C-alpha cells in the first residue's frame, strides 16, 4: 500500500498544529523526568499522539532526541 492512511502522511496538518503541546502544559512527571535524566538537553517541541494520547518530547544536545511518555506521563520503554 501507500504506507499511510487517508489524509496523507501528515494528516490534519492545516497549519494549526493541533497535536502540539506547550511545555507549560506537560505533566509534572514528564518535566521532572527530563530535567533529572537529561539536564543538559534543551526542549524543542512536544506533541500528543492522537491515537493513544502518548506524549513525544523532542530535545537537543549534540543531536536531536525523541523521548516518549504514556498518556499518564510515565516514561515508555520500547
PDB file of N, CA and C in Angstrom:
ATOM      1  N   UNK A   1       0.799  -1.185   0.000  1.00  0.00           N
ATOM      2  CA  UNK A   1       0.000   0.000   0.000  1.00  0.00           C
ATOM      3  C   UNK A   1       0.845   1.254   0.000  1.00  0.00           C
ATOM      4  N   UNK A   2       0.167   2.332   0.228  1.00  0.00           N
ATOM      5  CA  UNK A   2       0.804   3.648   0.214  1.00  0.00           C
ATOM      6  C   UNK A   2       1.727   3.881   1.399  1.00  0.00           C
ATOM      7  N   UNK A   3       1.450   3.231   2.506  1.00  0.00           N
ATOM      8  CA  UNK A   3       2.266   3.433   3.690  1.00  0.00           C
ATOM      9  C   UNK A   3       1.710   4.472   4.649  1.00  0.00           C
ATOM     10  N   UNK A   4       0.510   5.022   4.347  1.00  0.00           N
ATOM     11  CA  UNK A   4      -0.131   5.970   5.249  1.00  0.00           C
ATOM     12  C   UNK A   4      -1.637   5.921   5.058  1.00  0.00           C
ATOM     13  N   UNK A   5      -2.359   6.486   6.008  1.00  0.00           N
ATOM     14  CA  UNK A   5      -3.812   6.487   5.979  1.00  0.00           C
ATOM     15  C   UNK A   5      -4.348   7.641   5.131  1.00  0.00           C
ATOM     16  N   UNK A   6      -5.643   7.621   4.859  1.00  0.00           N
ATOM     17  CA  UNK A   6      -6.275   8.726   4.138  1.00  0.00           C
ATOM     18  C   UNK A   6      -5.984  10.036   4.856  1.00  0.00           C
ATOM     19  N   UNK A   7      -5.768  11.057   4.092  1.00  0.00           N
ATOM     20  CA  UNK A   7      -5.408  12.349   4.664  1.00  0.00           C
ATOM     21  C   UNK A   7      -3.942  12.654   4.433  1.00  0.00           C
ATOM     22  N   UNK A   8      -3.207  11.666   3.953  1.00  0.00           N
ATOM     23  CA  UNK A   8      -1.793  11.878   3.647  1.00  0.00           C
ATOM     24  C   UNK A   8      -0.881  11.541   4.798  1.00  0.00           C
ATOM     25  N   UNK A   9       0.374  11.705   4.550  1.00  0.00           N
ATOM     26  CA  UNK A   9       1.386  11.379   5.563  1.00  0.00           C
ATOM     27  C   UNK A   9       1.302  12.299   6.764  1.00  0.00           C
ATOM     28  N   UNK A  10       0.867  13.525   6.539  1.00  0.00           N
ATOM     29  CA  UNK A  10       0.791  14.499   7.615  1.00  0.00           C
ATOM     30  C   UNK A  10      -0.664  14.891   7.841  1.00  0.00           C
ATOM     31  N   UNK A  11      -1.463  13.898   8.172  1.00  0.00           N
ATOM     32  CA  UNK A  11      -2.901  14.076   8.387  1.00  0.00           C
ATOM     33  C   UNK A  11      -3.166  15.201   9.385  1.00  0.00           C
ATOM     34  N   UNK A  12      -4.190  15.971   9.125  1.00  0.00           N
ATOM     35  CA  UNK A  12      -4.624  17.068   9.989  1.00  0.00           C
ATOM     36  C   UNK A  12      -3.605  18.196  10.081  1.00  0.00           C
ATOM     37  N   UNK A  13      -2.711  18.307   9.115  1.00  0.00           N
ATOM     38  CA  UNK A  13      -1.738  19.391   9.118  1.00  0.00           C
ATOM     39  C   UNK A  13      -2.275  20.548   8.296  1.00  0.00           C
ATOM     40  N   UNK A  14      -3.000  21.428   8.958  1.00  0.00           N
ATOM     41  CA  UNK A  14      -3.550  22.596   8.282  1.00  0.00           C
ATOM     42  C   UNK A  14      -2.897  23.873   8.786  1.00  0.00           C
ATOM     43  N   UNK A  15      -1.748  23.743   9.444  1.00  0.00           N
ATOM     44  CA  UNK A  15      -1.044  24.890   9.980  1.00  0.00           C
ATOM     45  C   UNK A  15      -1.408  25.217  11.413  1.00  0.00           C
ATOM     46  N   UNK A  16      -2.412  24.556  11.955  1.00  0.00           N
ATOM     47  CA  UNK A  16      -2.833  24.847  13.322  1.00  0.00           C
ATOM     48  C   UNK A  16      -2.118  23.981  14.359  1.00  0.00           C
ATOM     49  N   UNK A  17      -1.421  22.961  13.925  1.00  0.00           N
ATOM     50  CA  UNK A  17      -0.633  22.072  14.782  1.00  0.00           C
ATOM     51  C   UNK A  17      -1.416  21.630  16.012  1.00  0.00           C
ATOM     52  N   UNK A  18      -2.540  20.965  15.776  1.00  0.00           N
ATOM     53  CA  UNK A  18      -3.426  20.522  16.850  1.00  0.00           C
ATOM     54  C   UNK A  18      -2.771  19.540  17.803  1.00  0.00           C
ATOM     55  N   UNK A  19      -1.698  18.888  17.369  1.00  0.00           N
ATOM     56  CA  UNK A  19      -1.067  17.885  18.215  1.00  0.00           C
ATOM     57  C   UNK A  19       0.068  18.448  19.064  1.00  0.00           C
ATOM     58  N   UNK A  20       0.418  19.715  18.904  1.00  0.00           N
ATOM     59  CA  UNK A  20       1.495  20.327  19.681  1.00  0.00           C
ATOM     60  C   UNK A  20       1.031  20.601  21.108  1.00  0.00           C
ATOM     61  N   UNK A  21       1.964  20.488  22.058  1.00  0.00           N
ATOM     62  CA  UNK A  21       1.685  20.752  23.464  1.00  0.00           C
ATOM     63  C   UNK A  21       2.668  21.819  23.940  1.00  0.00           C
ATOM     64  N   UNK A  22       2.184  22.814  24.642  1.00  0.00           N
ATOM     65  CA  UNK A  22       3.069  23.809  25.261  1.00  0.00           C
ATOM     66  C   UNK A  22       3.848  23.123  26.383  1.00  0.00           C
ATOM     67  N   UNK A  23       5.099  23.511  26.575  1.00  0.00           N
ATOM     68  CA  UNK A  23       5.901  22.900  27.638  1.00  0.00           C
ATOM     69  C   UNK A  23       5.245  23.106  29.001  1.00  0.00           C
ATOM     70  N   UNK A  24       4.597  24.232  29.185  1.00  0.00           N
ATOM     71  CA  UNK A  24       3.935  24.518  30.462  1.00  0.00           C
ATOM     72  C   UNK A  24       2.739  23.591  30.716  1.00  0.00           C
ATOM     73  N   UNK A  25       2.229  22.948  29.651  1.00  0.00           N
ATOM     74  CA  UNK A  25       1.089  22.036  29.790  1.00  0.00           C
ATOM     75  C   UNK A  25       1.513  20.578  29.963  1.00  0.00           C
ATOM     76  N   UNK A  26       2.810  20.310  29.909  1.00  0.00           N
ATOM     77  CA  UNK A  26       3.284  18.939  30.103  1.00  0.00           C
ATOM     78  C   UNK A  26       3.083  18.523  31.551  1.00  0.00           C
ATOM     79  N   UNK A  27       2.769  17.246  31.779  1.00  0.00           N
ATOM     80  CA  UNK A  27       2.638  16.765  33.159  1.00  0.00           C
ATOM     81  C   UNK A  27       3.947  16.974  33.931  1.00  0.00           C
ATOM     82  N   UNK A  28       3.817  17.226  35.216  1.00  0.00           N
ATOM     83  CA  UNK A  28       4.990  17.441  36.071  1.00  0.00           C
ATOM     84  C   UNK A  28       5.948  16.253  36.017  1.00  0.00           C
ATOM     85  N   UNK A  29       5.399  15.045  35.902  1.00  0.00           N
ATOM     86  CA  UNK A  29       6.249  13.855  35.857  1.00  0.00           C
ATOM     87  C   UNK A  29       7.144  13.846  34.617  1.00  0.00           C
ATOM     88  N   UNK A  30       6.646  14.369  33.506  1.00  0.00           N
ATOM     89  CA  UNK A  30       7.446  14.440  32.272  1.00  0.00           C
ATOM     90  C   UNK A  30       8.584  15.435  32.447  1.00  0.00           C
ATOM     91  N   UNK A  31       8.260  16.625  32.932  1.00  0.00           N
ATOM     92  CA  UNK A  31       9.287  17.653  33.137  1.00  0.00           C
ATOM     93  C   UNK A  31      10.320  17.208  34.158  1.00  0.00           C
ATOM     94  N   UNK A  32       9.876  16.553  35.209  1.00  0.00           N
ATOM     95  CA  UNK A  32      10.784  16.057  36.242  1.00  0.00           C
ATOM     96  C   UNK A  32      11.729  15.002  35.676  1.00  0.00           C
ATOM     97  N   UNK A  33      11.177  14.059  34.906  1.00  0.00           N
ATOM     98  CA  UNK A  33      11.997  13.009  34.300  1.00  0.00           C
ATOM     99  C   UNK A  33      13.056  13.611  33.376  1.00  0.00           C
ATOM    100  N   UNK A  34      12.640  14.538  32.533  1.00  0.00           N
ATOM    101  CA  UNK A  34      13.578  15.128  31.581  1.00  0.00           C
ATOM    102  C   UNK A  34      14.671  15.927  32.283  1.00  0.00           C
ATOM    103  N   UNK A  35      14.312  16.707  33.290  1.00  0.00           N
ATOM    104  CA  UNK A  35      15.327  17.522  33.973  1.00  0.00           C
ATOM    105  C   UNK A  35      16.287  16.661  34.791  1.00  0.00           C
ATOM    106  N   UNK A  36      15.809  15.547  35.330  1.00  0.00           N
ATOM    107  CA  UNK A  36      16.676  14.660  36.115  1.00  0.00           C
ATOM    108  C   UNK A  36      17.549  13.773  35.233  1.00  0.00           C
ATOM    109  N   UNK A  37      16.986  13.305  34.112  1.00  0.00           N
ATOM    110  CA  UNK A  37      17.685  12.346  33.264  1.00  0.00           C
ATOM    111  C   UNK A  37      18.553  13.019  32.206  1.00  0.00           C
ATOM    112  N   UNK A  38      18.084  14.126  31.671  1.00  0.00           N
ATOM    113  CA  UNK A  38      18.790  14.829  30.593  1.00  0.00           C
ATOM    114  C   UNK A  38      18.913  16.314  30.928  1.00  0.00           C
ATOM    115  N   UNK A  39      19.642  16.664  31.996  1.00  0.00           N
ATOM    116  CA  UNK A  39      19.687  18.060  32.446  1.00  0.00           C
ATOM    117  C   UNK A  39      20.314  19.030  31.441  1.00  0.00           C
ATOM    118  N   UNK A  40      21.145  18.544  30.549  1.00  0.00           N
ATOM    119  CA  UNK A  40      21.805  19.420  29.579  1.00  0.00           C
ATOM    120  C   UNK A  40      20.984  19.623  28.309  1.00  0.00           C
ATOM    121  N   UNK A  41      19.920  18.863  28.134  1.00  0.00           N
ATOM    122  CA  UNK A  41      19.106  18.969  26.912  1.00  0.00           C
ATOM    123  C   UNK A  41      18.262  20.247  26.907  1.00  0.00           C
ATOM    124  N   UNK A  42      18.038  20.760  25.726  1.00  0.00           N
ATOM    125  CA  UNK A  42      17.133  21.881  25.513  1.00  0.00           C
ATOM    126  C   UNK A  42      15.867  21.328  24.872  1.00  0.00           C
ATOM    127  N   UNK A  43      14.722  21.615  25.471  1.00  0.00           N
ATOM    128  CA  UNK A  43      13.461  21.141  24.908  1.00  0.00           C
ATOM    129  C   UNK A  43      13.158  21.919  23.628  1.00  0.00           C
ATOM    130  N   UNK A  44      12.740  21.183  22.595  1.00  0.00           N
ATOM    131  CA  UNK A  44      12.469  21.790  21.302  1.00  0.00           C
ATOM    132  C   UNK A  44      10.968  21.861  21.033  1.00  0.00           C
ATOM    133  N   UNK A  45      10.270  20.747  21.212  1.00  0.00           N
ATOM    134  CA  UNK A  45       8.844  20.677  20.876  1.00  0.00           C
ATOM    135  C   UNK A  45       8.241  19.472  21.581  1.00  0.00           C
ATOM    136  N   UNK A  46       6.945  19.529  21.834  1.00  0.00           N
ATOM    137  CA  UNK A  46       6.226  18.399  22.430  1.00  0.00           C
ATOM    138  C   UNK A  46       4.940  18.168  21.645  1.00  0.00           C
ATOM    139  N   UNK A  47       4.584  16.899  21.499  1.00  0.00           N
ATOM    140  CA  UNK A  47       3.407  16.504  20.730  1.00  0.00           C
ATOM    141  C   UNK A  47       2.603  15.470  21.494  1.00  0.00           C
ATOM    142  N   UNK A  48       1.301  15.415  21.230  1.00  0.00           N
ATOM    143  CA  UNK A  48       0.441  14.370  21.782  1.00  0.00           C
ATOM    144  C   UNK A  48      -0.044  13.507  20.631  1.00  0.00           C
ATOM    145  N   UNK A  49       0.161  12.200  20.744  1.00  0.00           N
ATOM    146  CA  UNK A  49      -0.292  11.242  19.748  1.00  0.00           C
ATOM    147  C   UNK A  49      -1.807  11.141  19.830  1.00  0.00           C
ATOM    148  N   UNK A  50      -2.486  11.377  18.713  1.00  0.00           N
ATOM    149  CA  UNK A  50      -3.956  11.383  18.739  1.00  0.00           C
ATOM    150  C   UNK A  50      -4.555   9.992  18.890  1.00  0.00           C
ATOM    151  N   UNK A  51      -3.776   8.945  18.703  1.00  0.00           N
ATOM    152  CA  UNK A  51      -4.317   7.584  18.784  1.00  0.00           C
ATOM    153  C   UNK A  51      -4.319   7.033  20.202  1.00  0.00           C
ATOM    154  N   UNK A  52      -3.263   7.285  20.959  1.00  0.00           N
ATOM    155  CA  UNK A  52      -3.203   6.731  22.307  1.00  0.00           C
ATOM    156  C   UNK A  52      -2.870   7.778  23.368  1.00  0.00           C
ATOM    157  N   UNK A  53      -2.829   9.048  22.987  1.00  0.00           N
ATOM    158  CA  UNK A  53      -2.547  10.180  23.887  1.00  0.00           C
ATOM    159  C   UNK A  53      -1.159  10.132  24.499  1.00  0.00           C
ATOM    160  N   UNK A  54      -0.260   9.315  23.931  1.00  0.00           N
ATOM    161  CA  UNK A  54       1.114   9.335  24.411  1.00  0.00           C
ATOM    162  C   UNK A  54       1.731  10.693  24.070  1.00  0.00           C
ATOM    163  N   UNK A  55       2.800  11.024  24.773  1.00  0.00           N
ATOM    164  CA  UNK A  55       3.456  12.320  24.623  1.00  0.00           C
ATOM    165  C   UNK A  55       4.863  12.095  24.096  1.00  0.00           C
ATOM    166  N   UNK A  56       5.227  12.848  23.079  1.00  0.00           N
ATOM    167  CA  UNK A  56       6.570  12.769  22.486  1.00  0.00           C
ATOM    168  C   UNK A  56       7.221  14.126  22.693  1.00  0.00           C
ATOM    169  N   UNK A  57       8.397  14.119  23.317  1.00  0.00           N
ATOM    170  CA  UNK A  57       9.120  15.359  23.560  1.00  0.00           C
ATOM    171  C   UNK A  57      10.417  15.308  22.765  1.00  0.00           C
ATOM    172  N   UNK A  58      10.629  16.332  21.945  1.00  0.00           N
ATOM    173  CA  UNK A  58      11.873  16.461  21.195  1.00  0.00           C
ATOM    174  C   UNK A  58      12.808  17.370  21.971  1.00  0.00           C
ATOM    175  N   UNK A  59      14.071  16.950  22.078  1.00  0.00           N
ATOM    176  CA  UNK A  59      15.079  17.756  22.756  1.00  0.00           C
ATOM    177  C   UNK A  59      16.371  17.711  21.941  1.00  0.00           C
ATOM    178  N   UNK A  60      17.273  18.635  22.255  1.00  0.00           N
ATOM    179  CA  UNK A  60      18.551  18.625  21.551  1.00  0.00           C
ATOM    180  C   UNK A  60      19.695  18.804  22.529  1.00  0.00           C
ATOM    181  N   UNK A  61      20.789  18.110  22.207  1.00  0.00           N
ATOM    182  CA  UNK A  61      22.036  18.185  22.956  1.00  0.00           C
ATOM    183  C   UNK A  61      23.042  17.401  22.127  1.00  0.00           C
ATOM    184  N   UNK A  62      23.781  18.073  21.284  1.00  0.00           N
ATOM    185  CA  UNK A  62      24.697  17.415  20.344  1.00  0.00           C
ATOM    186  C   UNK A  62      23.939  16.430  19.455  1.00  0.00           C
ATOM    187  N   UNK A  63      22.745  16.780  19.073  1.00  0.00           N
ATOM    188  CA  UNK A  63      21.875  15.963  18.244  1.00  0.00           C
ATOM    189  C   UNK A  63      20.443  16.113  18.723  1.00  0.00           C
ATOM    190  N   UNK A  64      19.518  15.585  17.951  1.00  0.00           N
ATOM    191  CA  UNK A  64      18.105  15.631  18.317  1.00  0.00           C
ATOM    192  C   UNK A  64      17.673  14.297  18.896  1.00  0.00           C
ATOM    193  N   UNK A  65      16.798  14.349  19.893  1.00  0.00           N
ATOM    194  CA  UNK A  65      16.328  13.149  20.566  1.00  0.00           C
ATOM    195  C   UNK A  65      14.814  13.216  20.748  1.00  0.00           C
ATOM    196  N   UNK A  66      14.150  12.082  20.715  1.00  0.00           N
ATOM    197  CA  UNK A  66      12.722  11.979  20.980  1.00  0.00           C
ATOM    198  C   UNK A  66      12.536  11.062  22.185  1.00  0.00           C
ATOM    199  N   UNK A  67      11.824  11.546  23.185  1.00  0.00           N
ATOM    200  CA  UNK A  67      11.536  10.762  24.380  1.00  0.00           C
ATOM    201  C   UNK A  67      10.024  10.595  24.453  1.00  0.00           C
ATOM    202  N   UNK A  68       9.570   9.357  24.702  1.00  0.00           N
ATOM    203  CA  UNK A  68       8.141   9.048  24.659  1.00  0.00           C
ATOM    204  C   UNK A  68       7.633   8.698  26.058  1.00  0.00           C
ATOM    205  N   UNK A  69       6.460   9.255  26.366  1.00  0.00           N
ATOM    206  CA  UNK A  69       5.783   9.008  27.636  1.00  0.00           C
ATOM    207  C   UNK A  69       4.369   8.532  27.346  1.00  0.00           C
ATOM    208  N   UNK A  70       3.796   7.736  28.255  1.00  0.00           N
ATOM    209  CA  UNK A  70       2.410   7.313  28.051  1.00  0.00           C
ATOM    210  C   UNK A  70       1.472   8.467  28.392  1.00  0.00           C
ATOM    211  N   UNK A  71       0.177   8.251  28.269  1.00  0.00           N
ATOM    212  CA  UNK A  71      -0.813   9.308  28.492  1.00  0.00           C
ATOM    213  C   UNK A  71      -0.793   9.839  29.924  1.00  0.00           C
ATOM    214  N   UNK A  72      -0.256   9.050  30.870  1.00  0.00           N
ATOM    215  CA  UNK A  72      -0.180   9.465  32.265  1.00  0.00           C
ATOM    216  C   UNK A  72       1.130  10.158  32.605  1.00  0.00           C
ATOM    217  N   UNK A  73       2.013  10.291  31.615  1.00  0.00           N
ATOM    218  CA  UNK A  73       3.287  10.958  31.848  1.00  0.00           C
ATOM    219  C   UNK A  73       4.391  10.055  32.326  1.00  0.00           C
ATOM    220  N   UNK A  74       4.218   8.735  32.191  1.00  0.00           N
ATOM    221  CA  UNK A  74       5.256   7.781  32.579  1.00  0.00           C
ATOM    222  C   UNK A  74       6.141   7.473  31.374  1.00  0.00           C
ATOM    223  N   UNK A  75       7.457   7.421  31.604  1.00  0.00           N
ATOM    224  CA  UNK A  75       8.401   7.105  30.541  1.00  0.00           C
ATOM    225  C   UNK A  75       8.081   5.752  29.935  1.00  0.00           C
ATOM    226  N   UNK A  76       8.082   5.695  28.600  1.00  0.00           N
ATOM    227  CA  UNK A  76       7.800   4.435  27.897  1.00  0.00           C
ATOM    228  C   UNK A  76       9.100   3.849  27.371  1.00  0.00           C
ATOM    229  N   UNK A  77       9.311   2.595  27.665  1.00  0.00           N
ATOM    230  CA  UNK A  77      10.456   1.867  27.135  1.00  0.00           C
ATOM    231  C   UNK A  77       9.942   1.028  25.987  1.00  0.00           C
ATOM    232  N   UNK A  78      10.522   1.230  24.815  1.00  0.00           N
ATOM    233  CA  UNK A  78      10.086   0.477  23.639  1.00  0.00           C
ATOM    234  C   UNK A  78      10.816  -0.824  23.522  1.00  0.00           C
TER     235      UNK A  78
END
